[in-house]
């Protein structure tokens, strides 16, 4: 429906790696950027249309991405089955509040996005402080 929120994400998924190589508010901008991706990278990339608007969250786990609003992101924290390993990372969370695309089309520069690694230490702080902790970490 016209006027509904929508974000277009260019997602790459190879044999050993996956990444987001672009996030756009406008479908035509996403398609134009997609055309600039080199052929060897383009073959593993897809444009995904979401019903989200900025800000939203990307949960990365096991080379897959879930795109969520604030409530969906908070539900992901509640679903975690905790393990007794302080170094274990349950997932990475990316906070997306604007368009993103690397200067080299189709490449992985996700490290520049605001993100956090969700481990037991993070969860302990979240248990104590709730949303205030998420605000301090620039997630909310």
Protein backbone atom coordinates (compact mmCIF):
# COMPACT_ATOMS: atom_id res chain seq x y z
CA UNK A 1 0.00 0.00 0.00
CA UNK A 2 1.37 3.41 -0.93
CA UNK A 3 2.75 5.33 2.02
CA UNK A 4 3.46 2.25 4.11
CA UNK A 5 6.98 2.09 5.56
CA UNK A 6 9.45 0.12 3.53
CA UNK A 7 13.20 -0.45 3.47
CA UNK A 8 15.15 -2.25 0.73
CA UNK A 9 18.12 -4.33 1.84
CA UNK A 10 20.81 -5.78 -0.40
CA UNK A 11 21.85 -9.03 1.23
CA UNK A 12 24.84 -11.12 0.15
CA UNK A 13 25.01 -14.81 0.95
CA UNK A 14 27.99 -16.85 -0.17
CA UNK A 15 29.25 -20.29 0.69
CA UNK A 16 31.19 -19.14 3.77
CA UNK A 17 30.09 -15.55 4.40
CA UNK A 18 27.04 -13.36 4.41
CA UNK A 19 26.70 -9.62 4.76
CA UNK A 20 24.49 -6.63 4.07
CA UNK A 21 25.87 -4.50 1.27
CA UNK A 22 23.18 -1.84 1.18
CA UNK A 23 20.12 -0.44 2.95
CA UNK A 24 17.87 2.02 1.13
CA UNK A 25 14.62 3.82 1.78
CA UNK A 26 13.91 4.15 -1.95
CA UNK A 27 13.48 1.10 -4.21
CA UNK A 28 14.93 2.86 -7.25
CA UNK A 29 18.07 3.89 -5.34
CA UNK A 30 18.49 0.27 -4.23
CA UNK A 31 18.16 -0.96 -7.81
CA UNK A 32 20.59 1.66 -9.13
CA UNK A 33 23.15 0.77 -6.46
CA UNK A 34 22.64 -2.94 -7.20
CA UNK A 35 23.60 -2.29 -10.84
CA UNK A 36 27.00 -0.95 -9.69
CA UNK A 37 27.92 -4.15 -7.83
CA UNK A 38 30.65 -6.09 -9.71
CA UNK A 39 29.35 -9.22 -11.47
CA UNK A 40 31.33 -11.66 -9.30
CA UNK A 41 29.67 -10.22 -6.18
CA UNK A 42 26.27 -9.50 -7.72
CA UNK A 43 25.56 -13.20 -8.32
CA UNK A 44 25.35 -13.83 -4.55
CA UNK A 45 23.26 -10.74 -3.72
CA UNK A 46 19.53 -10.14 -3.54
CA UNK A 47 17.34 -7.12 -2.90
CA UNK A 48 14.94 -7.79 -0.03
CA UNK A 49 11.90 -5.61 0.60
CA UNK A 50 10.86 -5.20 4.24
CA UNK A 51 7.89 -3.50 5.82
CA UNK A 52 10.17 -1.72 8.29
CA UNK A 53 11.12 1.91 8.67
CA UNK A 54 14.09 3.54 10.36
CA UNK A 55 15.15 2.85 13.00
CA UNK A 56 15.14 -0.93 12.86
CA UNK A 57 17.41 -3.77 13.94
CA UNK A 58 19.32 -6.54 12.25
CA UNK A 59 19.98 -9.68 14.25
CA UNK A 60 22.85 -11.68 12.76
CA UNK A 61 23.21 -15.29 13.82
CA UNK A 62 24.75 -18.26 12.01
CA UNK A 63 25.24 -16.27 8.79
CA UNK A 64 21.55 -15.33 8.62
CA UNK A 65 19.85 -11.98 9.16
CA UNK A 66 16.52 -11.15 10.78
CA UNK A 67 15.11 -7.66 10.34
CA UNK A 68 13.09 -6.45 13.31
CA UNK A 69 11.38 -3.45 14.83
CA UNK A 70 11.99 -2.45 18.46
CA UNK A 71 9.50 -4.96 19.90
CA UNK A 72 10.87 -7.81 17.79
CA UNK A 73 14.40 -6.96 18.89
CA UNK A 74 13.43 -7.03 22.57
CA UNK A 75 11.69 -10.41 22.07
CA UNK A 76 14.97 -11.80 20.73
CA UNK A 77 16.62 -11.03 24.08
CA UNK A 78 13.81 -12.85 25.90
CA UNK A 79 14.19 -15.97 23.70
CA UNK A 80 17.85 -16.54 24.46
CA UNK A 81 18.60 -19.87 26.08
CA UNK A 82 21.68 -19.05 28.11
CA UNK A 83 24.76 -21.23 28.14
CA UNK A 84 27.48 -21.35 30.79
CA UNK A 85 30.21 -19.81 28.64
CA UNK A 86 31.17 -16.17 29.16
CA UNK A 87 32.74 -15.99 25.67
CA UNK A 88 29.74 -17.36 23.79
CA UNK A 89 28.10 -14.83 21.44
CA UNK A 90 24.38 -15.49 20.96
CA UNK A 91 24.06 -13.03 18.11
CA UNK A 92 25.17 -9.64 16.84
CA UNK A 93 22.70 -6.78 16.79
CA UNK A 94 22.93 -3.87 14.37
CA UNK A 95 21.04 -0.62 14.89
CA UNK A 96 19.95 0.81 11.55
CA UNK A 97 18.78 4.41 11.69
CA UNK A 98 19.65 5.55 8.16
CA UNK A 99 20.64 4.31 4.73
CA UNK A 100 23.91 2.42 4.44
CA UNK A 101 26.06 1.45 1.47
CA UNK A 102 29.82 0.95 1.19
CA UNK A 103 31.92 3.03 -1.21
CA UNK A 104 32.92 -0.21 -2.93
CA UNK A 105 29.54 -1.57 -4.06
CA UNK A 106 28.63 -5.06 -2.92
CA UNK A 107 31.35 -5.38 -0.29
CA UNK A 108 31.15 -6.07 3.43
CA UNK A 109 31.66 -2.98 5.58
CA UNK A 110 29.10 -3.91 8.22
CA UNK A 111 31.69 -3.29 10.93
CA UNK A 112 31.11 0.45 10.54
CA UNK A 113 27.45 0.07 11.53
CA UNK A 114 26.45 0.63 15.15
CA UNK A 115 26.45 -2.91 16.52
CA UNK A 116 26.97 -5.00 19.62
CA UNK A 117 27.83 -8.62 20.38
CA UNK A 118 25.27 -10.19 22.66
CA UNK A 119 26.99 -12.40 25.22
CA UNK A 120 26.38 -13.26 28.87
CA UNK A 121 28.04 -10.09 30.14
CA UNK A 122 25.74 -7.98 27.95
CA UNK A 123 22.71 -9.96 29.15
CA UNK A 124 23.66 -9.56 32.82
CA UNK A 125 23.74 -5.77 32.40
CA UNK A 126 20.46 -5.87 30.45
CA UNK A 127 18.86 -7.92 33.26
CA UNK A 128 19.92 -5.29 35.82
CA UNK A 129 19.13 -2.11 33.90
CA UNK A 130 16.71 -2.99 31.10
CA UNK A 131 16.10 -0.28 28.51
CA UNK A 132 18.46 2.15 30.27
CA UNK A 133 21.33 -0.21 29.42
CA UNK A 134 20.17 -0.40 25.79
CA UNK A 135 20.09 3.39 25.63
CA UNK A 136 23.61 3.65 27.05
CA UNK A 137 24.79 1.15 24.43
CA UNK A 138 23.14 3.27 21.69
CA UNK A 139 20.73 0.47 20.82
CA UNK A 140 17.66 2.52 21.79
